Amino acid sequence: MPRFKCIVSYDGSGFSGYQVQPNKRTVQCELERVLTDIHKGKKTRVTASGRTDAGVHAVGQVIHFDTDYQIPGEKWPVVLNQKLPNEIVVRHAAQVPETFHARFSVTGKEYRYVIDRGEVPTPFRRHYAVHHPLTLDLDLIREAAQQLIGEHDFTSFSSARTEVLDRVRTIERFDIIERGSEWIFIVKGNGFLYNMVRIMVGTLLDVGYGKFKPSDIRALLEAKDRTLAGKTAPAHGLYLWEVEYSDARRK
C-alpha cells in the first residue's frame, strides 16, 4: 500500500496539542478526520515525528499515512487543504517507501522559541511570542546556551512526566538571534525529551535575570535533578521548525 510523507504547518493556539485526546480538538484528530472523509469513512491513521503540547506551533511537522488511493504526491496538499481547518496547512507531500517512518526514521529536529522584547505586548503576537520586557543580559544567555551543546543527560531539563529512561541527547546548535523586537532561540539536536526545549529556555532566561551564572549550566546537567533548573517557559512561544531524515531513510 502506498505511503505518503507530508510536511505540515499548524497554529497550535486552538488545539489541545497534536496527539489524539478524548473529547478534545487536536491536530491529529483533524488530520485523521479529513483523511477518513476522503477515504469514504475508512479510518485512516497518521503517524507524526512526535507530539506537540497545547499551544505549541509547527512550521515543519512531518507525518506519514498509508492509502490505497492512486493520488500523486503533489496532489495531496490540494486535496487535504480543501478540507482542513485554516489553522492547519499541508505544505508538501511525496510518496515514500514503506520502510519510512515519520517518528522512528528521524535523525534530527530543530525547534525555535520566540521572545517579544517590546516595552509593551503586541496584541497580534500574543499567541505566537512570549512577552518579556524585563532587562535581560543576552550575552550571558548566549554564553550559557553554549554549555548545552554536545551530548548530555538532560534529566534536569526534562519534565518529571518524561517516560523514557534514556535521557541522553545531543544538541548540535543553540543560538539566539535578534530580529526586530524579538529574540529567537534556535536549538537543533538529534532528539528532545518532554518539555526539554521549554525548560532550557526558561533556565536561560533565569541566567539573563542573574538567577544562574552560565557556569551553573554544567552543574545542572550533572545533577540530573529537574527541581534545580528553571521554570518551564510558556508553550505559545515554541515552534517545531524542521524535522530531518537521513538520505538513506528517505529512499
C-alpha atoms as a PDB file:
ATOM      1  CA  MET A   1       0.000   0.000   0.000  1.00  0.00           C
ATOM      2  CA  PRO A   2       1.470   3.409  -0.945  1.00  0.00           C
ATOM      3  CA  ARG A   3       2.860   5.509   1.907  1.00  0.00           C
ATOM      4  CA  PHE A   4       2.965   9.287   1.792  1.00  0.00           C
ATOM      5  CA  LYS A   5       5.060  11.714   3.801  1.00  0.00           C
ATOM      6  CA  CYS A   6       3.648  15.200   4.404  1.00  0.00           C
ATOM      7  CA  ILE A   7       5.163  18.370   5.831  1.00  0.00           C
ATOM      8  CA  VAL A   8       2.518  20.114   7.914  1.00  0.00           C
ATOM      9  CA  SER A   9       2.335  23.585   9.461  1.00  0.00           C
ATOM     10  CA  TYR A  10      -0.167  24.486  12.144  1.00  0.00           C
ATOM     11  CA  ASP A  11      -1.146  27.232  14.538  1.00  0.00           C
ATOM     12  CA  GLY A  12      -1.378  25.423  17.877  1.00  0.00           C
ATOM     13  CA  SER A  13      -3.391  28.150  19.610  1.00  0.00           C
ATOM     14  CA  GLY A  14      -6.768  26.486  19.179  1.00  0.00           C
ATOM     15  CA  PHE A  15      -5.702  22.895  19.778  1.00  0.00           C
ATOM     16  CA  SER A  16      -5.170  20.738  22.863  1.00  0.00           C
ATOM     17  CA  GLY A  17      -1.864  19.638  21.361  1.00  0.00           C
ATOM     18  CA  TYR A  18      -1.038  17.392  18.428  1.00  0.00           C
ATOM     19  CA  GLN A  19      -1.937  13.940  19.747  1.00  0.00           C
ATOM     20  CA  VAL A  20      -5.440  12.457  19.836  1.00  0.00           C
ATOM     21  CA  GLN A  21      -7.188  13.038  23.183  1.00  0.00           C
ATOM     22  CA  PRO A  22     -10.743  12.075  24.142  1.00  0.00           C
ATOM     23  CA  ASN A  23     -13.269  14.854  23.611  1.00  0.00           C
ATOM     24  CA  LYS A  24     -10.584  17.400  22.715  1.00  0.00           C
ATOM     25  CA  ARG A  25      -9.686  19.172  19.495  1.00  0.00           C
ATOM     26  CA  THR A  26      -6.218  18.136  18.360  1.00  0.00           C
ATOM     27  CA  VAL A  27      -4.185  18.394  15.174  1.00  0.00           C
ATOM     28  CA  GLN A  28      -4.045  14.625  14.734  1.00  0.00           C
ATOM     29  CA  CYS A  29      -7.828  14.377  15.114  1.00  0.00           C
ATOM     30  CA  GLU A  30      -8.340  16.930  12.348  1.00  0.00           C
ATOM     31  CA  LEU A  31      -5.876  15.244  10.001  1.00  0.00           C
ATOM     32  CA  GLU A  32      -7.427  11.816  10.552  1.00  0.00           C
ATOM     33  CA  ARG A  33     -10.955  13.205  10.267  1.00  0.00           C
ATOM     34  CA  VAL A  34     -10.171  14.656   6.853  1.00  0.00           C
ATOM     35  CA  LEU A  35      -8.330  11.571   5.608  1.00  0.00           C
ATOM     36  CA  THR A  36     -11.167   9.317   6.790  1.00  0.00           C
ATOM     37  CA  ASP A  37     -13.653  11.528   4.963  1.00  0.00           C
ATOM     38  CA  ILE A  38     -11.564  11.378   1.778  1.00  0.00           C
ATOM     39  CA  HIS A  39     -11.451   7.574   2.124  1.00  0.00           C
ATOM     40  CA  LYS A  40     -15.264   7.451   2.367  1.00  0.00           C
ATOM     41  CA  GLY A  41     -15.398   6.525   6.039  1.00  0.00           C
ATOM     42  CA  LYS A  42     -12.450   4.123   6.139  1.00  0.00           C
ATOM     43  CA  LYS A  43     -10.421   5.076   9.220  1.00  0.00           C
ATOM     44  CA  THR A  44      -7.028   6.394   8.111  1.00  0.00           C
ATOM     45  CA  ARG A  45      -4.344   6.840  10.756  1.00  0.00           C
ATOM     46  CA  VAL A  46      -1.470   9.301  10.619  1.00  0.00           C
ATOM     47  CA  THR A  47       1.892   8.993  12.349  1.00  0.00           C
ATOM     48  CA  ALA A  48       3.877  12.110  13.263  1.00  0.00           C
ATOM     49  CA  SER A  49       7.527  12.777  14.032  1.00  0.00           C
ATOM     50  CA  GLY A  50       6.416  13.491  17.600  1.00  0.00           C
ATOM     51  CA  ARG A  51       3.707  15.219  19.561  1.00  0.00           C
ATOM     52  CA  THR A  52       3.475  18.903  20.442  1.00  0.00           C
ATOM     53  CA  ASP A  53       1.699  20.264  23.519  1.00  0.00           C
ATOM     54  CA  ALA A  54      -1.316  22.544  23.664  1.00  0.00           C
ATOM     55  CA  GLY A  55      -0.430  25.971  22.302  1.00  0.00           C
ATOM     56  CA  VAL A  56       2.775  24.834  20.584  1.00  0.00           C
ATOM     57  CA  HIS A  57       3.048  25.588  16.870  1.00  0.00           C
ATOM     58  CA  ALA A  58       4.693  23.772  13.979  1.00  0.00           C
ATOM     59  CA  VAL A  59       6.242  25.031  10.775  1.00  0.00           C
ATOM     60  CA  GLY A  60       7.656  21.686   9.650  1.00  0.00           C
ATOM     61  CA  GLN A  61       5.893  18.822  11.430  1.00  0.00           C
ATOM     62  CA  VAL A  62       6.187  15.588   9.438  1.00  0.00           C
ATOM     63  CA  ILE A  63       3.530  12.883   9.211  1.00  0.00           C
ATOM     64  CA  HIS A  64       3.017   9.747   7.174  1.00  0.00           C
ATOM     65  CA  PHE A  65      -0.070   7.772   6.244  1.00  0.00           C
ATOM     66  CA  ASP A  66      -0.896   4.747   4.101  1.00  0.00           C
ATOM     67  CA  THR A  67      -3.550   4.767   1.415  1.00  0.00           C
ATOM     68  CA  ASP A  68      -4.746   2.610  -1.454  1.00  0.00           C
ATOM     69  CA  TYR A  69      -5.781   5.714  -3.397  1.00  0.00           C
ATOM     70  CA  GLN A  70      -3.732   6.401  -6.530  1.00  0.00           C
ATOM     71  CA  ILE A  71      -3.287  10.129  -5.946  1.00  0.00           C
ATOM     72  CA  PRO A  72       0.102  11.631  -6.909  1.00  0.00           C
ATOM     73  CA  GLY A  73       2.088  13.138  -4.066  1.00  0.00           C
ATOM     74  CA  GLU A  74       1.891  16.673  -5.415  1.00  0.00           C
ATOM     75  CA  LYS A  75      -1.926  16.484  -5.394  1.00  0.00           C
ATOM     76  CA  TRP A  76      -2.321  15.522  -1.727  1.00  0.00           C
ATOM     77  CA  PRO A  77      -1.749  19.067  -0.349  1.00  0.00           C
ATOM     78  CA  VAL A  78      -4.551  20.383  -2.569  1.00  0.00           C
ATOM     79  CA  VAL A  79      -6.920  17.573  -1.605  1.00  0.00           C
ATOM     80  CA  LEU A  80      -6.201  17.856   2.120  1.00  0.00           C
ATOM     81  CA  ASN A  81      -6.070  21.646   2.404  1.00  0.00           C
ATOM     82  CA  GLN A  82      -9.539  21.955   0.868  1.00  0.00           C
ATOM     83  CA  LYS A  83     -10.974  20.131   3.870  1.00  0.00           C
ATOM     84  CA  LEU A  84      -8.634  21.002   6.730  1.00  0.00           C
ATOM     85  CA  PRO A  85      -9.342  23.943   9.079  1.00  0.00           C
ATOM     86  CA  ASN A  86      -7.334  27.002   8.155  1.00  0.00           C
ATOM     87  CA  GLU A  87      -5.047  26.584  11.201  1.00  0.00           C
ATOM     88  CA  ILE A  88      -3.523  23.509   9.515  1.00  0.00           C
ATOM     89  CA  VAL A  89      -1.780  23.517   6.136  1.00  0.00           C
ATOM     90  CA  VAL A  90      -0.117  20.627   4.331  1.00  0.00           C
ATOM     91  CA  ARG A  91       2.886  22.271   2.654  1.00  0.00           C
ATOM     92  CA  HIS A  92       4.320  19.300   0.785  1.00  0.00           C
ATOM     93  CA  ALA A  93       3.629  15.611   0.161  1.00  0.00           C
ATOM     94  CA  ALA A  94       5.554  12.838  -1.543  1.00  0.00           C
ATOM     95  CA  GLN A  95       5.361   9.082  -1.796  1.00  0.00           C
ATOM     96  CA  VAL A  96       7.985   7.288   0.282  1.00  0.00           C
ATOM     97  CA  PRO A  97       8.947   3.624   0.765  1.00  0.00           C
ATOM     98  CA  GLU A  98       7.032   1.582   3.336  1.00  0.00           C
ATOM     99  CA  THR A  99      10.241   1.497   5.405  1.00  0.00           C
ATOM    100  CA  PHE A 100       9.949   5.241   6.048  1.00  0.00           C
ATOM    101  CA  HIS A 101       8.537   6.084   9.469  1.00  0.00           C
ATOM    102  CA  ALA A 102       7.770   9.685  10.433  1.00  0.00           C
ATOM    103  CA  ARG A 103       8.850   9.069  14.031  1.00  0.00           C
ATOM    104  CA  PHE A 104      11.438   6.296  14.020  1.00  0.00           C
ATOM    105  CA  SER A 105      13.328   7.498  10.936  1.00  0.00           C
ATOM    106  CA  VAL A 106      14.037  10.946  12.432  1.00  0.00           C
ATOM    107  CA  THR A 107      17.711  11.893  12.633  1.00  0.00           C
ATOM    108  CA  GLY A 108      17.318  15.431  13.964  1.00  0.00           C
ATOM    109  CA  LYS A 109      14.910  18.231  14.843  1.00  0.00           C
ATOM    110  CA  GLU A 110      15.066  21.990  15.049  1.00  0.00           C
ATOM    111  CA  TYR A 111      12.899  23.995  17.424  1.00  0.00           C
ATOM    112  CA  ARG A 112      12.573  27.751  17.722  1.00  0.00           C
ATOM    113  CA  TYR A 113      11.320  29.780  20.645  1.00  0.00           C
ATOM    114  CA  VAL A 114      10.250  33.403  20.281  1.00  0.00           C
ATOM    115  CA  ILE A 115      10.528  36.094  22.967  1.00  0.00           C
ATOM    116  CA  ASP A 116       8.908  39.505  22.433  1.00  0.00           C
ATOM    117  CA  ARG A 117      11.210  42.119  23.976  1.00  0.00           C
ATOM    118  CA  GLY A 118       8.991  45.111  23.247  1.00  0.00           C
ATOM    119  CA  GLU A 119       8.218  47.577  26.018  1.00  0.00           C
ATOM    120  CA  VAL A 120       4.519  46.712  25.781  1.00  0.00           C
ATOM    121  CA  PRO A 121       2.965  43.491  24.460  1.00  0.00           C
ATOM    122  CA  THR A 122       1.927  43.280  20.823  1.00  0.00           C
ATOM    123  CA  PRO A 123      -1.675  42.009  20.752  1.00  0.00           C
ATOM    124  CA  PHE A 124      -1.196  40.424  17.336  1.00  0.00           C
ATOM    125  CA  ARG A 125       1.674  38.277  18.673  1.00  0.00           C
ATOM    126  CA  ARG A 126       0.075  37.250  21.966  1.00  0.00           C
ATOM    127  CA  HIS A 127      -0.361  33.627  20.816  1.00  0.00           C
ATOM    128  CA  TYR A 128       2.966  33.413  18.984  1.00  0.00           C
ATOM    129  CA  ALA A 129       5.630  35.057  21.161  1.00  0.00           C
ATOM    130  CA  VAL A 130       6.173  35.304  24.916  1.00  0.00           C
ATOM    131  CA  HIS A 131       6.409  38.876  26.181  1.00  0.00           C
ATOM    132  CA  HIS A 132       9.468  39.555  28.377  1.00  0.00           C
ATOM    133  CA  PRO A 133      10.034  43.332  28.786  1.00  0.00           C
ATOM    134  CA  LEU A 134      12.381  42.981  31.783  1.00  0.00           C
ATOM    135  CA  THR A 135      16.082  43.651  31.462  1.00  0.00           C
ATOM    136  CA  LEU A 136      17.934  40.501  30.420  1.00  0.00           C
ATOM    137  CA  ASP A 137      21.638  40.055  29.666  1.00  0.00           C
ATOM    138  CA  LEU A 138      21.730  38.497  26.194  1.00  0.00           C
ATOM    139  CA  ASP A 139      25.492  37.945  26.279  1.00  0.00           C
ATOM    140  CA  LEU A 140      25.161  35.807  29.419  1.00  0.00           C
ATOM    141  CA  ILE A 141      22.236  33.893  27.882  1.00  0.00           C
ATOM    142  CA  ARG A 142      24.287  33.120  24.782  1.00  0.00           C
ATOM    143  CA  GLU A 143      27.242  32.008  26.889  1.00  0.00           C
ATOM    144  CA  ALA A 144      25.003  29.707  28.917  1.00  0.00           C
ATOM    145  CA  ALA A 145      23.356  28.256  25.799  1.00  0.00           C
ATOM    146  CA  GLN A 146      26.736  27.073  24.555  1.00  0.00           C
ATOM    147  CA  GLN A 147      27.082  24.938  27.697  1.00  0.00           C
ATOM    148  CA  LEU A 148      24.098  22.889  26.495  1.00  0.00           C
ATOM    149  CA  ILE A 149      25.748  21.937  23.202  1.00  0.00           C
ATOM    150  CA  GLY A 150      27.058  18.384  22.986  1.00  0.00           C
ATOM    151  CA  GLU A 151      25.953  15.015  24.326  1.00  0.00           C
ATOM    152  CA  HIS A 152      24.487  15.176  27.827  1.00  0.00           C
ATOM    153  CA  ASP A 153      21.966  13.534  30.112  1.00  0.00           C
ATOM    154  CA  PHE A 154      19.149  16.115  30.064  1.00  0.00           C
ATOM    155  CA  THR A 155      17.196  14.798  33.064  1.00  0.00           C
ATOM    156  CA  SER A 156      17.417  18.223  34.736  1.00  0.00           C
ATOM    157  CA  PHE A 157      15.914  19.768  31.616  1.00  0.00           C
ATOM    158  CA  SER A 158      13.014  17.367  31.107  1.00  0.00           C
ATOM    159  CA  SER A 159       9.586  17.172  32.695  1.00  0.00           C
ATOM    160  CA  ALA A 160       9.038  14.921  35.685  1.00  0.00           C
ATOM    161  CA  ARG A 161       6.415  13.271  33.466  1.00  0.00           C
ATOM    162  CA  THR A 162       9.063  12.113  30.989  1.00  0.00           C
ATOM    163  CA  GLU A 163       8.558   8.378  30.493  1.00  0.00           C
ATOM    164  CA  VAL A 164      11.722   7.356  28.623  1.00  0.00           C
ATOM    165  CA  LEU A 165      14.614   6.028  30.695  1.00  0.00           C
ATOM    166  CA  ASP A 166      17.438   7.041  28.338  1.00  0.00           C
ATOM    167  CA  ARG A 167      17.658  10.812  28.665  1.00  0.00           C
ATOM    168  CA  VAL A 168      20.929  11.319  26.835  1.00  0.00           C
ATOM    169  CA  ARG A 169      20.558  13.616  23.848  1.00  0.00           C
ATOM    170  CA  THR A 170      22.930  15.585  21.620  1.00  0.00           C
ATOM    171  CA  ILE A 171      22.445  19.307  20.977  1.00  0.00           C
ATOM    172  CA  GLU A 172      24.225  20.404  17.804  1.00  0.00           C
ATOM    173  CA  ARG A 173      23.300  24.089  17.777  1.00  0.00           C
ATOM    174  CA  PHE A 174      21.896  26.612  20.245  1.00  0.00           C
ATOM    175  CA  ASP A 175      21.799  30.211  19.013  1.00  0.00           C
ATOM    176  CA  ILE A 176      19.830  33.297  19.966  1.00  0.00           C
ATOM    177  CA  ILE A 177      19.274  35.812  17.197  1.00  0.00           C
ATOM    178  CA  GLU A 178      17.702  39.254  17.339  1.00  0.00           C
ATOM    179  CA  ARG A 179      15.018  40.144  14.829  1.00  0.00           C
ATOM    180  CA  GLY A 180      13.363  43.490  15.414  1.00  0.00           C
ATOM    181  CA  SER A 181      11.991  43.494  18.957  1.00  0.00           C
ATOM    182  CA  GLU A 182      12.119  39.701  19.168  1.00  0.00           C
ATOM    183  CA  TRP A 183      14.712  37.209  20.311  1.00  0.00           C
ATOM    184  CA  ILE A 184      14.597  33.843  18.579  1.00  0.00           C
ATOM    185  CA  PHE A 185      16.130  30.860  20.340  1.00  0.00           C
ATOM    186  CA  ILE A 186      17.217  28.258  17.760  1.00  0.00           C
ATOM    187  CA  VAL A 187      18.051  24.783  19.035  1.00  0.00           C
ATOM    188  CA  LYS A 188      18.871  21.763  16.915  1.00  0.00           C
ATOM    189  CA  GLY A 189      19.576  18.232  18.112  1.00  0.00           C
ATOM    190  CA  ASN A 190      19.162  14.539  17.496  1.00  0.00           C
ATOM    191  CA  GLY A 191      16.137  14.336  19.773  1.00  0.00           C
ATOM    192  CA  PHE A 192      14.298  16.072  22.594  1.00  0.00           C
ATOM    193  CA  LEU A 193      12.674  14.967  25.835  1.00  0.00           C
ATOM    194  CA  TYR A 194       9.254  16.059  27.064  1.00  0.00           C
ATOM    195  CA  ASN A 195       9.309  19.854  27.661  1.00  0.00           C
ATOM    196  CA  MET A 196      13.083  19.892  27.150  1.00  0.00           C
ATOM    197  CA  VAL A 197      13.234  22.971  24.919  1.00  0.00           C
ATOM    198  CA  ARG A 198      10.867  24.956  27.124  1.00  0.00           C
ATOM    199  CA  ILE A 199      12.830  24.096  30.270  1.00  0.00           C
ATOM    200  CA  MET A 200      16.133  25.009  28.620  1.00  0.00           C
ATOM    201  CA  VAL A 201      14.688  28.352  27.520  1.00  0.00           C
ATOM    202  CA  GLY A 202      13.202  29.006  30.969  1.00  0.00           C
ATOM    203  CA  THR A 203      16.572  28.293  32.569  1.00  0.00           C
ATOM    204  CA  LEU A 204      18.421  30.508  30.089  1.00  0.00           C
ATOM    205  CA  LEU A 205      16.031  33.357  30.876  1.00  0.00           C
ATOM    206  CA  ASP A 206      16.919  32.874  34.542  1.00  0.00           C
ATOM    207  CA  VAL A 207      20.571  33.282  33.518  1.00  0.00           C
ATOM    208  CA  GLY A 208      19.603  36.556  31.880  1.00  0.00           C
ATOM    209  CA  TYR A 209      17.947  37.704  35.114  1.00  0.00           C
ATOM    210  CA  GLY A 210      21.028  36.743  37.132  1.00  0.00           C
ATOM    211  CA  LYS A 211      19.461  33.818  38.998  1.00  0.00           C
ATOM    212  CA  PHE A 212      22.035  31.450  37.448  1.00  0.00           C
ATOM    213  CA  LYS A 213      25.515  32.015  36.067  1.00  0.00           C
ATOM    214  CA  PRO A 214      26.462  30.496  32.679  1.00  0.00           C
ATOM    215  CA  SER A 215      28.859  28.179  34.508  1.00  0.00           C
ATOM    216  CA  ASP A 216      25.931  26.778  36.527  1.00  0.00           C
ATOM    217  CA  ILE A 217      24.541  25.026  33.450  1.00  0.00           C
ATOM    218  CA  ARG A 218      27.171  22.304  33.609  1.00  0.00           C
ATOM    219  CA  ALA A 219      26.361  21.636  37.271  1.00  0.00           C
ATOM    220  CA  LEU A 220      22.636  21.453  36.475  1.00  0.00           C
ATOM    221  CA  LEU A 221      23.304  18.861  33.774  1.00  0.00           C
ATOM    222  CA  GLU A 222      25.432  16.785  36.110  1.00  0.00           C
ATOM    223  CA  ALA A 223      22.862  16.955  38.933  1.00  0.00           C
ATOM    224  CA  LYS A 224      20.142  15.169  36.896  1.00  0.00           C
ATOM    225  CA  ASP A 225      17.503  16.853  39.046  1.00  0.00           C
ATOM    226  CA  ARG A 226      14.577  18.673  37.415  1.00  0.00           C
ATOM    227  CA  THR A 227      13.840  20.685  40.579  1.00  0.00           C
ATOM    228  CA  LEU A 228      17.150  22.558  40.246  1.00  0.00           C
ATOM    229  CA  ALA A 229      16.614  24.006  36.748  1.00  0.00           C
ATOM    230  CA  GLY A 230      14.420  26.953  35.783  1.00  0.00           C
ATOM    231  CA  LYS A 231      10.700  27.084  35.143  1.00  0.00           C
ATOM    232  CA  THR A 232       9.140  25.647  32.004  1.00  0.00           C
ATOM    233  CA  ALA A 233       8.700  28.513  29.519  1.00  0.00           C
ATOM    234  CA  PRO A 234       5.146  29.016  28.190  1.00  0.00           C
ATOM    235  CA  ALA A 235       4.019  26.817  25.303  1.00  0.00           C
ATOM    236  CA  HIS A 236       2.910  29.502  22.865  1.00  0.00           C
ATOM    237  CA  GLY A 237       6.453  30.732  22.130  1.00  0.00           C
ATOM    238  CA  LEU A 238       7.564  27.323  20.833  1.00  0.00           C
ATOM    239  CA  TYR A 239       7.688  26.153  17.214  1.00  0.00           C
ATOM    240  CA  LEU A 240       8.648  22.754  15.814  1.00  0.00           C
ATOM    241  CA  TRP A 241      10.602  24.226  12.931  1.00  0.00           C
ATOM    242  CA  GLU A 242      12.054  21.338  10.957  1.00  0.00           C
ATOM    243  CA  VAL A 243      12.423  17.554  11.126  1.00  0.00           C
ATOM    244  CA  GLU A 244      15.385  15.876   9.453  1.00  0.00           C
ATOM    245  CA  TYR A 245      15.812  12.426   7.959  1.00  0.00           C
ATOM    246  CA  SER A 246      18.953  10.855   6.577  1.00  0.00           C
ATOM    247  CA  ASP A 247      19.121  10.243   2.821  1.00  0.00           C
ATOM    248  CA  ALA A 248      19.285   6.521   3.460  1.00  0.00           C
ATOM    249  CA  ARG A 249      15.968   6.574   5.283  1.00  0.00           C
ATOM    250  CA  ARG A 250      14.264   8.853   2.793  1.00  0.00           C
ATOM    251  CA  LYS A 251      14.735   6.392  -0.044  1.00  0.00           C
END
